[in-house]
C-alpha atoms as a PDB file:
ATOM      1  CA  MET A   1     -10.057-109.020 -13.357  1.00  0.00           C
ATOM      2  CA  ILE A   2     -10.159-105.316 -14.231  1.00  0.00           C
ATOM      3  CA  THR A   3      -9.814-104.428 -10.548  1.00  0.00           C
ATOM      4  CA  VAL A   4      -6.660-106.522 -10.248  1.00  0.00           C
ATOM      5  CA  ALA A   5      -5.206-104.852 -13.343  1.00  0.00           C
ATOM      6  CA  PHE A   6      -5.856-101.379 -11.915  1.00  0.00           C
ATOM      7  CA  LEU A   7      -4.306-102.368  -8.596  1.00  0.00           C
ATOM      8  CA  LEU A   8      -1.187-103.697 -10.329  1.00  0.00           C
ATOM      9  CA  LEU A   9      -0.602-100.555 -12.409  1.00  0.00           C
ATOM     10  CA  PRO A  10       0.995 -98.470  -9.614  1.00  0.00           C
ATOM     11  CA  VAL A  11       3.156-101.396  -8.533  1.00  0.00           C
ATOM     12  CA  LEU A  12       4.396-102.044 -12.051  1.00  0.00           C
ATOM     13  CA  SER A  13       5.029 -98.378 -12.744  1.00  0.00           C
ATOM     14  CA  ALA A  14       7.049 -98.039  -9.517  1.00  0.00           C
ATOM     15  CA  LEU A  15       9.016-101.163 -10.424  1.00  0.00           C
ATOM     16  CA  LEU A  16       9.803 -99.865 -13.909  1.00  0.00           C
ATOM     17  CA  TYR A  17      10.832 -96.490 -12.514  1.00  0.00           C
ATOM     18  CA  GLY A  18      13.114 -98.173  -9.986  1.00  0.00           C
ATOM     19  CA  LEU A  19      14.726-100.360 -12.642  1.00  0.00           C
ATOM     20  CA  ASP A  20      15.316 -97.298 -14.816  1.00  0.00           C
ATOM     21  CA  GLN A  21      17.046 -95.529 -11.929  1.00  0.00           C
ATOM     22  CA  VAL A  22      19.208 -98.581 -11.233  1.00  0.00           C
ATOM     23  CA  GLU A  23      20.216 -98.757 -14.871  1.00  0.00           C
ATOM     24  CA  ASP A  24      21.069 -95.045 -14.989  1.00  0.00           C
ATOM     25  CA  ARG A  25      23.172 -95.083 -11.816  1.00  0.00           C
ATOM     26  CA  TRP A  26      24.817 -98.493 -11.667  1.00  0.00           C
ATOM     27  CA  VAL A  27      24.898-100.026 -15.123  1.00  0.00           C
ATOM     28  CA  THR A  28      25.643 -97.009 -17.308  1.00  0.00           C
ATOM     29  CA  ARG A  29      28.783 -95.210 -16.232  1.00  0.00           C
ATOM     30  CA  PRO A  30      28.463 -91.416 -16.269  1.00  0.00           C
ATOM     31  CA  THR A  31      30.815 -89.535 -18.561  1.00  0.00           C
ATOM     32  CA  ALA A  32      31.483 -86.782 -16.007  1.00  0.00           C
ATOM     33  CA  ALA A  33      31.163 -86.413 -12.272  1.00  0.00           C
ATOM     34  CA  ARG A  34      27.661 -85.670 -11.071  1.00  0.00           C
ATOM     35  CA  HIS A  35      28.785 -82.619  -9.176  1.00  0.00           C
ATOM     36  CA  ALA A  36      30.609 -81.143 -12.157  1.00  0.00           C
ATOM     37  CA  ARG A  37      29.039 -77.956 -13.397  1.00  0.00           C
ATOM     38  CA  ARG A  38      28.028 -77.744 -16.987  1.00  0.00           C
ATOM     39  CA  ARG A  39      29.007 -74.540 -18.690  1.00  0.00           C
ATOM     40  CA  SER A  40      26.361 -72.640 -20.523  1.00  0.00           C
ATOM     41  CA  PRO A  41      27.032 -72.456 -24.273  1.00  0.00           C
ATOM     42  CA  LEU A  42      25.984 -68.796 -24.139  1.00  0.00           C
ATOM     43  CA  ARG A  43      28.560 -67.915 -21.478  1.00  0.00           C
ATOM     44  CA  ARG A  44      31.448 -65.858 -22.741  1.00  0.00           C
ATOM     45  CA  VAL A  45      34.964 -66.677 -21.664  1.00  0.00           C
ATOM     46  CA  ARG A  46      36.782 -63.708 -20.197  1.00  0.00           C
ATOM     47  CA  ALA A  47      40.320 -63.138 -21.398  1.00  0.00           C
ATOM     48  CA  ARG A  48      42.810 -62.964 -18.547  1.00  0.00           C
ATOM     49  CA  ALA A  49      45.326 -60.155 -18.503  1.00  0.00           C
ATOM     50  CA  ASP A  50      48.840 -61.290 -17.728  1.00  0.00           C
ATOM     51  CA  ARG A  51      49.852 -59.893 -14.359  1.00  0.00           C
ATOM     52  CA  ARG A  52      53.592 -59.689 -13.877  1.00  0.00           C
END
């Protein structure tokens, strides 16, 4: 019985991981595009000089 439990642990963990990935990608809609860069909060914004 213990042997069966130890053999099922990797299968169950892979199944739970897969279900978590499915939920993250398909069920929950992302707020922004995946390829969108996130700006660092420490990054300073440079002021643009008006060129005329």
